[in-house]
Amino acid sequence: MTIIPVALGARSYDIRIEAGLLARAGEALAPFSRGRTMAIVADGNVRPHLETLRASMADADIASEAIVLPPGEGTKSWAQLESLTDRLLDMGIERGDHVIALGGGVIGDLVGFATSILKRGCGFIQIPTTLLAQVDSSVGGKTAINSRAGKNLIGAFHQPGLVLIDPQVLDTLGPRELRAGYAEVVKYGLIDDPEFFAWCEAHGADLLAGDPDARETAIARSVGAKARIVAEDERETTGKRALLNLGHTFGHALEAETGFSERLLHGEGVAAGMALAFGFSASQGLCPASDADRVAAHLRTVDLPDTLAAAGIAADGPSLVAHMLHDKKMDAGTLPFLLARGIGQSYLDKDVSLEDVAAFLDRQQVPA
C-alpha cells in the first residue's frame, strides 16, 4: 500500500492507494465508525462497488445504510443538496460521524459540501471510483455544487478524514470517462514536473489500456503532487494552489457553453482548456510554440480534445469570455489566468486582457 499524508495540522489525513483496497475497506473504516451505522452516498453507476464496500464493512462489523443518487453533473444541485441533507438528518447523523462518498467527482463534491454544513460540519470519507476523482477532486477539500451562474460557485473548503483509492475499480470505467480523468494526470506534469509529462507521453497509452503499474504510478505521482500543493496553500490564498486550476478557466467556459452536459465531460473540457492555455501563452510570446504543439499532440494521441472544434464548441470568443466572468476566481473585477512559460512552467497571470483572450479564441474557430 502507498500512503500519502496531507499535512494540514489538525485537519491532516492520509490517502491510501492499493489495488483491491475496496474489498478490504472495512478495516480502514473501523476507526471512524464509532460503533454506529455509517451512511454511504453513491450514484447508480457504482452499485457493484457499493455492494463490495458494504460487504467489507459488514466483515468489519460496521453497519451501513446506502443513499443512491442519480448519476451525472445535474446531481450537484440545490435540489439534491437539500434532499441529501434531509435524508442524512433523518438517519440521525451526528457531528462526530463520517459519511462515505463512493463515486466520482460529483458525489465527492456533493457529499463534501453537505457534510460541511450539516450540523455546522461533520466528517466524510472519500472513496473515489473514477480516475478523475482519484487523482484530483477527492483530495484537497474543495467541495461544491453548481448554480445557474456557473460551475462550483456554491461550496466550502472541507477536508475529508480519509481517502481510499483502489485502482482496480477503474476496470469498470468506460474509455471516455477514463480519458477524461487522464487529462487531470497530464495537468500535474504541465504545472511543474516536465519529467512527469514526459512519462505521460511514454506511458499514458498504457495507463488507458489498463496497465496496472502505469495506473498506480500515475495516481501516486498525481496525488503526491496535489497533497504537497494543498499542504502549502490549503485555501488558495498564496497563489500556489491556483496552479491546480491549469486549463480550468478555459475549460469551465467550454463546459458552460454546453450547459454542463454530457456533451463535454469535465476532463475533456480541462484537456481542451490546457491546450488553449498553452496556445494562448504561445500567441503572447510567453511560451515556445513547440511546447504548445507538444501538449496538443499528446492530447490528440490519447483521443482528448485539443481544439474548440474537437471539443464541439462553435461559440465565438466574446461569448466564451462572457462565461469566464462568472468564474469564482474573479478578484476586483479581474480574472487571473493560469498560463505557461513552457512545459512544467505554469504560473498565475493577473494582467491578462480579456479582449486578447476573446480575439485568440476567435482565431481558434475553424471557418465554416
Protein backbone atom coordinates (compact mmCIF):
# COMPACT_ATOMS: atom_id res chain seq x y z
CA MET A 1 0.00 0.00 0.00
CA THR A 2 1.13 3.53 -0.78
CA ILE A 3 0.22 6.04 1.93
CA ILE A 4 0.48 9.73 1.16
CA PRO A 5 -0.17 12.16 4.02
CA VAL A 6 -1.87 15.52 3.51
CA ALA A 7 -0.19 17.65 6.20
CA LEU A 8 -2.72 20.18 7.45
CA GLY A 9 -2.21 20.18 11.19
CA ALA A 10 -5.39 19.17 12.99
CA ARG A 11 -7.06 18.56 9.61
CA SER A 12 -4.36 16.18 8.34
CA TYR A 13 -5.38 12.89 6.77
CA ASP A 14 -3.97 10.00 4.77
CA ILE A 15 -4.50 8.96 1.18
CA ARG A 16 -4.18 5.19 0.86
CA ILE A 17 -3.61 3.65 -2.57
CA GLU A 18 -3.68 -0.09 -3.18
CA ALA A 19 -5.15 -2.47 -5.73
CA GLY A 20 -8.05 -4.38 -4.19
CA LEU A 21 -8.42 -1.89 -1.34
CA LEU A 22 -12.20 -1.56 -1.74
CA ALA A 23 -12.75 -5.17 -0.73
CA ARG A 24 -10.72 -4.53 2.44
CA ALA A 25 -12.05 -1.06 3.19
CA GLY A 26 -13.87 -2.12 6.35
CA GLU A 27 -10.60 -2.41 8.27
CA ALA A 28 -9.61 1.16 7.33
CA LEU A 29 -13.09 2.49 8.13
CA ALA A 30 -13.41 0.84 11.53
CA PRO A 31 -11.69 3.69 13.47
CA PHE A 32 -14.26 6.11 12.03
CA SER A 33 -17.41 4.06 12.71
CA ARG A 34 -17.78 4.73 16.47
CA GLY A 35 -19.97 1.65 16.67
CA ARG A 36 -22.68 3.45 14.69
CA THR A 37 -24.31 2.91 11.31
CA MET A 38 -22.29 4.65 8.61
CA ALA A 39 -24.03 6.34 5.69
CA ILE A 40 -22.70 5.65 2.18
CA VAL A 41 -23.69 8.05 -0.58
CA ALA A 42 -23.22 6.68 -4.09
CA ASP A 43 -24.69 7.06 -7.54
CA GLY A 44 -26.47 4.47 -9.62
CA ASN A 45 -23.40 3.76 -11.75
CA VAL A 46 -21.38 2.26 -8.90
CA ARG A 47 -23.82 -0.28 -7.45
CA PRO A 48 -21.35 -3.20 -7.82
CA HIS A 49 -18.72 -1.21 -5.92
CA LEU A 50 -21.33 -0.30 -3.32
CA GLU A 51 -22.05 -4.00 -2.74
CA THR A 52 -18.32 -4.73 -2.38
CA LEU A 53 -17.88 -1.89 0.10
CA ARG A 54 -20.89 -2.87 2.23
CA ALA A 55 -19.71 -6.48 2.35
CA SER A 56 -16.28 -5.35 3.50
CA MET A 57 -17.84 -3.15 6.17
CA ALA A 58 -20.05 -5.99 7.34
CA ASP A 59 -16.96 -8.18 7.68
CA ALA A 60 -15.56 -5.48 9.99
CA ASP A 61 -18.82 -5.38 11.98
CA ILE A 62 -19.74 -1.95 10.64
CA ALA A 63 -23.41 -1.40 9.88
CA SER A 64 -24.13 0.72 6.82
CA GLU A 65 -27.01 2.41 5.07
CA ALA A 66 -26.81 3.45 1.43
CA ILE A 67 -28.23 6.52 -0.28
CA VAL A 68 -28.15 6.13 -4.07
CA LEU A 69 -28.41 9.29 -6.16
CA PRO A 70 -28.79 9.83 -9.92
CA PRO A 71 -25.50 9.87 -11.85
CA GLY A 72 -24.37 12.94 -13.73
CA GLU A 73 -23.38 16.58 -13.22
CA GLY A 74 -27.02 17.51 -12.61
CA THR A 75 -26.77 15.90 -9.17
CA LYS A 76 -24.53 18.78 -8.00
CA SER A 77 -27.61 20.94 -7.45
CA TRP A 78 -29.53 22.76 -4.73
CA ALA A 79 -32.35 20.22 -5.03
CA GLN A 80 -30.07 17.22 -4.48
CA LEU A 81 -28.21 19.01 -1.68
CA GLU A 82 -31.48 19.62 0.14
CA SER A 83 -32.65 16.06 -0.42
CA LEU A 84 -29.35 14.58 0.75
CA THR A 85 -29.07 16.68 3.91
CA ASP A 86 -32.68 15.85 4.82
CA ARG A 87 -32.01 12.14 4.38
CA LEU A 88 -28.84 12.28 6.45
CA LEU A 89 -30.67 14.13 9.22
CA ASP A 90 -33.43 11.52 9.09
CA MET A 91 -30.73 8.90 9.65
CA GLY A 92 -29.65 10.72 12.81
CA ILE A 93 -26.18 11.71 11.59
CA GLU A 94 -24.20 13.31 14.41
CA ARG A 95 -21.40 15.87 14.21
CA GLY A 96 -18.84 13.21 15.12
CA ASP A 97 -19.97 10.83 12.36
CA HIS A 98 -18.31 10.33 8.96
CA VAL A 99 -20.36 9.99 5.78
CA ILE A 100 -18.77 7.96 2.97
CA ALA A 101 -18.70 9.37 -0.56
CA LEU A 102 -18.43 6.47 -3.03
CA GLY A 103 -18.24 7.58 -6.64
CA GLY A 104 -16.76 10.16 -8.93
CA GLY A 105 -16.23 13.87 -8.51
CA VAL A 106 -19.93 14.70 -8.49
CA ILE A 107 -20.63 12.53 -5.46
CA GLY A 108 -17.46 13.63 -3.68
CA ASP A 109 -18.22 17.30 -4.22
CA LEU A 110 -21.85 17.00 -3.15
CA VAL A 111 -21.18 14.88 -0.05
CA GLY A 112 -18.26 17.07 0.95
CA PHE A 113 -20.39 20.21 0.78
CA ALA A 114 -23.36 18.56 2.50
CA THR A 115 -21.19 17.43 5.41
CA SER A 116 -19.55 20.86 5.65
CA ILE A 117 -22.91 22.42 6.51
CA LEU A 118 -24.70 19.53 8.21
CA LYS A 119 -24.89 20.40 11.92
CA ARG A 120 -22.26 23.06 11.14
CA GLY A 121 -19.85 20.41 9.97
CA CYS A 122 -19.47 16.65 10.31
CA GLY A 123 -16.91 14.27 8.82
CA PHE A 124 -16.72 12.50 5.49
CA ILE A 125 -14.52 9.94 3.76
CA GLN A 126 -13.69 9.85 0.07
CA ILE A 127 -13.65 6.56 -1.84
CA PRO A 128 -13.29 7.74 -5.45
CA THR A 129 -14.21 5.37 -8.27
CA THR A 130 -13.15 7.39 -11.33
CA LEU A 131 -9.65 8.29 -12.42
CA LEU A 132 -10.51 11.98 -12.33
CA ALA A 133 -11.70 11.76 -8.74
CA GLN A 134 -8.79 9.54 -7.70
CA VAL A 135 -6.11 11.93 -8.95
CA ASP A 136 -7.81 15.24 -8.31
CA SER A 137 -11.20 16.01 -6.79
CA SER A 138 -11.09 13.56 -3.86
CA VAL A 139 -8.01 15.28 -2.41
CA GLY A 140 -7.76 18.81 -1.07
CA GLY A 141 -11.14 19.58 0.47
CA LYS A 142 -12.73 21.65 -2.30
CA THR A 143 -16.46 20.87 -2.19
CA ALA A 144 -19.26 22.49 -4.16
CA ILE A 145 -22.47 22.37 -6.14
CA ASN A 146 -23.25 24.16 -9.38
CA SER A 147 -25.61 27.09 -9.86
CA ARG A 148 -27.28 28.72 -12.85
CA ALA A 149 -24.39 31.19 -12.97
CA GLY A 150 -21.69 28.55 -13.31
CA LYS A 151 -19.81 25.53 -12.05
CA ASN A 152 -18.76 25.04 -8.40
CA LEU A 153 -19.83 28.53 -7.34
CA ILE A 154 -21.59 27.38 -4.14
CA GLY A 155 -19.25 25.48 -1.84
CA ALA A 156 -16.78 25.32 1.01
CA PHE A 157 -13.33 24.07 1.92
CA HIS A 158 -13.95 20.90 3.93
CA GLN A 159 -11.21 18.27 4.23
CA PRO A 160 -12.05 14.54 4.30
CA GLY A 161 -10.94 12.38 7.20
CA LEU A 162 -9.51 9.70 4.89
CA VAL A 163 -9.17 8.95 1.17
CA LEU A 164 -9.15 5.32 -0.03
CA ILE A 165 -8.09 4.74 -3.63
CA ASP A 166 -8.39 1.35 -5.31
CA PRO A 167 -7.02 1.47 -8.89
CA GLN A 168 -8.79 -1.81 -9.70
CA VAL A 169 -12.19 -0.11 -9.71
CA LEU A 170 -11.09 1.71 -12.87
CA ASP A 171 -11.55 -1.59 -14.75
CA THR A 172 -15.30 -0.86 -14.78
CA LEU A 173 -14.87 2.65 -16.15
CA GLY A 174 -15.73 3.37 -19.77
CA PRO A 175 -12.98 4.55 -22.15
CA ARG A 176 -14.35 8.09 -22.41
CA GLU A 177 -14.52 8.57 -18.64
CA LEU A 178 -11.04 7.11 -18.27
CA ARG A 179 -9.62 9.51 -20.85
CA ALA A 180 -11.37 12.43 -19.17
CA GLY A 181 -9.67 11.54 -15.89
CA TYR A 182 -6.34 11.18 -17.62
CA ALA A 183 -6.46 14.88 -18.53
CA GLU A 184 -6.00 15.69 -14.84
CA VAL A 185 -2.97 13.37 -14.72
CA VAL A 186 -1.35 15.26 -17.59
CA LYS A 187 -2.05 18.52 -15.76
CA TYR A 188 0.41 17.69 -12.98
CA GLY A 189 3.23 17.31 -15.45
CA LEU A 190 2.37 20.58 -17.16
CA ILE A 191 2.23 22.52 -13.88
CA ASP A 192 5.77 21.98 -12.60
CA ASP A 193 7.02 18.49 -13.45
CA PRO A 194 8.26 18.19 -17.06
CA GLU A 195 9.70 14.74 -16.32
CA PHE A 196 6.23 13.52 -15.38
CA PHE A 197 4.80 14.95 -18.59
CA ALA A 198 7.46 13.01 -20.48
CA TRP A 199 6.37 9.92 -18.51
CA CYS A 200 2.81 10.59 -19.64
CA GLU A 201 3.93 10.79 -23.27
CA ALA A 202 5.67 7.43 -22.87
CA HIS A 203 3.12 5.59 -20.72
CA GLY A 204 -0.23 7.38 -21.00
CA ALA A 205 -1.49 4.93 -23.61
CA ASP A 206 -0.52 2.03 -21.32
CA LEU A 207 -2.49 3.58 -18.46
CA LEU A 208 -5.58 3.95 -20.65
CA ALA A 209 -5.17 0.38 -21.92
CA GLY A 210 -5.36 -0.93 -18.35
CA ASP A 211 -1.74 -1.45 -17.33
CA PRO A 212 -1.92 -1.70 -13.51
CA ASP A 213 1.61 -0.46 -12.87
CA ALA A 214 1.07 2.61 -15.06
CA ARG A 215 -2.18 3.37 -13.27
CA GLU A 216 -0.71 3.10 -9.79
CA THR A 217 2.30 5.19 -10.78
CA ALA A 218 0.13 7.92 -12.30
CA ILE A 219 -2.24 8.02 -9.33
CA ALA A 220 0.56 8.12 -6.74
CA ARG A 221 2.51 10.83 -8.61
CA SER A 222 -0.59 12.94 -9.15
CA VAL A 223 -1.89 12.61 -5.61
CA GLY A 224 1.55 13.26 -4.16
CA ALA A 225 1.83 16.46 -6.17
CA LYS A 226 -1.61 17.66 -5.13
CA ALA A 227 -1.04 16.78 -1.46
CA ARG A 228 2.14 18.85 -1.45
CA ILE A 229 0.45 21.86 -3.02
CA VAL A 230 -2.60 21.65 -0.75
CA ALA A 231 -0.38 21.46 2.34
CA GLU A 232 1.36 24.66 1.21
CA ASP A 233 -1.81 26.58 0.31
CA GLU A 234 -4.98 24.91 1.62
CA ARG A 235 -7.41 27.73 0.81
CA GLU A 236 -5.75 29.14 -2.31
CA THR A 237 -4.57 32.29 -0.54
CA THR A 238 -0.92 32.44 -1.67
CA GLY A 239 -1.45 31.57 -5.32
CA LYS A 240 0.35 28.21 -5.12
CA ARG A 241 -2.83 26.14 -5.11
CA ALA A 242 -4.21 28.17 -8.00
CA LEU A 243 -1.74 26.27 -10.20
CA LEU A 244 -4.04 23.26 -9.87
CA ASN A 245 -6.56 25.17 -11.98
CA LEU A 246 -4.43 24.93 -15.13
CA GLY A 247 -6.83 24.56 -18.05
CA HIS A 248 -9.88 25.12 -15.89
CA THR A 249 -10.68 28.76 -16.72
CA PHE A 250 -10.86 27.94 -20.42
CA GLY A 251 -12.34 24.50 -19.70
CA HIS A 252 -15.16 25.73 -17.46
CA ALA A 253 -16.16 28.24 -20.14
CA LEU A 254 -16.42 25.39 -22.64
CA GLU A 255 -18.45 23.34 -20.17
CA ALA A 256 -20.75 26.29 -19.55
CA GLU A 257 -21.28 26.67 -23.30
CA THR A 258 -22.53 23.06 -23.38
CA GLY A 259 -24.75 23.60 -20.33
CA PHE A 260 -22.52 21.38 -18.15
CA SER A 261 -23.92 18.43 -20.03
CA GLU A 262 -22.64 15.06 -21.19
CA ARG A 263 -21.67 16.72 -24.46
CA LEU A 264 -18.38 17.68 -22.83
CA LEU A 265 -17.10 15.90 -19.74
CA HIS A 266 -15.16 17.93 -17.18
CA GLY A 267 -11.87 16.25 -18.01
CA GLU A 268 -12.45 16.80 -21.71
CA GLY A 269 -13.02 20.48 -21.01
CA VAL A 270 -9.81 20.59 -18.96
CA ALA A 271 -7.87 18.90 -21.78
CA ALA A 272 -9.04 21.43 -24.33
CA GLY A 273 -8.52 24.17 -21.74
CA MET A 274 -4.90 23.19 -21.19
CA ALA A 275 -4.24 23.17 -24.93
CA LEU A 276 -5.85 26.60 -25.18
CA ALA A 277 -3.86 27.92 -22.21
CA PHE A 278 -0.60 26.83 -23.84
CA GLY A 279 -1.76 28.09 -27.22
CA PHE A 280 -2.68 31.47 -25.79
CA SER A 281 0.65 31.62 -23.93
CA ALA A 282 2.47 30.93 -27.19
CA SER A 283 0.40 33.56 -29.01
CA GLN A 284 1.52 36.12 -26.43
CA GLY A 285 5.18 35.20 -26.79
CA LEU A 286 5.29 33.68 -23.31
CA CYS A 287 5.80 30.05 -24.26
CA PRO A 288 7.62 28.33 -27.13
CA ALA A 289 5.18 27.34 -29.86
CA SER A 290 6.89 23.93 -29.91
CA ASP A 291 5.79 23.31 -26.31
CA ALA A 292 2.19 24.25 -27.11
CA ASP A 293 2.31 21.92 -30.12
CA ARG A 294 3.74 19.14 -27.97
CA VAL A 295 0.90 19.46 -25.44
CA ALA A 296 -1.74 19.42 -28.17
CA ALA A 297 -0.09 16.46 -29.89
CA HIS A 298 -0.13 14.34 -26.74
CA LEU A 299 -3.78 15.12 -26.09
CA ARG A 300 -4.65 14.11 -29.64
CA THR A 301 -2.64 10.91 -29.26
CA VAL A 302 -4.87 9.79 -26.37
CA ASP A 303 -8.04 11.00 -28.11
CA LEU A 304 -8.65 14.03 -25.92
CA PRO A 305 -9.82 17.35 -27.42
CA ASP A 306 -7.09 19.89 -28.07
CA THR A 307 -9.12 22.50 -30.00
CA LEU A 308 -12.53 24.16 -29.81
CA ALA A 309 -13.69 22.11 -32.78
CA ALA A 310 -12.53 18.86 -31.19
CA ALA A 311 -14.47 19.83 -28.05
CA GLY A 312 -17.58 20.51 -30.14
CA ILE A 313 -17.58 24.26 -29.42
CA ALA A 314 -18.75 26.69 -32.09
CA ALA A 315 -19.22 29.81 -29.93
CA ASP A 316 -17.27 32.96 -30.67
CA GLY A 317 -14.59 34.42 -28.39
CA PRO A 318 -16.72 37.09 -26.67
CA SER A 319 -19.40 34.50 -25.82
CA LEU A 320 -16.85 32.20 -24.20
CA VAL A 321 -15.24 35.08 -22.31
CA ALA A 322 -18.71 36.02 -21.01
CA HIS A 323 -18.84 32.63 -19.32
CA MET A 324 -15.46 33.33 -17.72
CA LEU A 325 -16.85 36.42 -15.98
CA HIS A 326 -18.74 34.07 -13.65
CA ASP A 327 -15.51 32.29 -12.68
CA LYS A 328 -15.13 32.04 -8.89
CA LYS A 329 -11.54 33.26 -9.20
CA MET A 330 -12.67 36.74 -10.27
CA ASP A 331 -10.97 39.27 -7.99
CA ALA A 332 -11.70 43.02 -8.01
CA GLY A 333 -13.11 42.74 -11.50
CA THR A 334 -10.10 40.93 -12.96
CA LEU A 335 -9.69 37.26 -13.81
CA PRO A 336 -6.34 35.57 -13.12
CA PHE A 337 -5.29 33.06 -15.78
CA LEU A 338 -3.03 30.04 -15.49
CA LEU A 339 -0.56 30.42 -18.33
CA ALA A 340 2.80 28.82 -19.11
CA ARG A 341 6.35 29.75 -19.99
CA GLY A 342 6.90 26.17 -21.09
CA ILE A 343 6.07 22.59 -20.13
CA GLY A 344 6.36 22.35 -16.35
CA GLN A 345 6.50 26.15 -16.04
CA SER A 346 2.92 27.22 -15.33
CA TYR A 347 2.25 30.45 -13.50
CA LEU A 348 -0.60 32.73 -12.44
CA ASP A 349 -1.01 35.86 -14.56
CA LYS A 350 -3.28 38.58 -13.14
CA ASP A 351 -2.86 41.02 -16.02
CA VAL A 352 -4.43 39.16 -18.92
CA SER A 353 -6.61 41.20 -21.26
CA LEU A 354 -9.98 39.52 -21.77
CA GLU A 355 -10.13 41.25 -25.15
CA ASP A 356 -6.92 39.42 -26.10
CA VAL A 357 -8.41 36.14 -24.88
CA ALA A 358 -11.58 36.70 -26.91
CA ALA A 359 -9.57 37.54 -30.02
CA PHE A 360 -7.41 34.43 -29.53
CA LEU A 361 -10.50 32.21 -29.16
CA ASP A 362 -11.99 33.72 -32.31
CA ARG A 363 -8.84 32.73 -34.18
CA GLN A 364 -9.20 29.15 -32.98
CA GLN A 365 -12.52 28.68 -34.71
CA VAL A 366 -12.44 26.74 -37.95
CA PRO A 367 -14.20 28.79 -40.66
CA ALA A 368 -17.50 27.31 -41.77
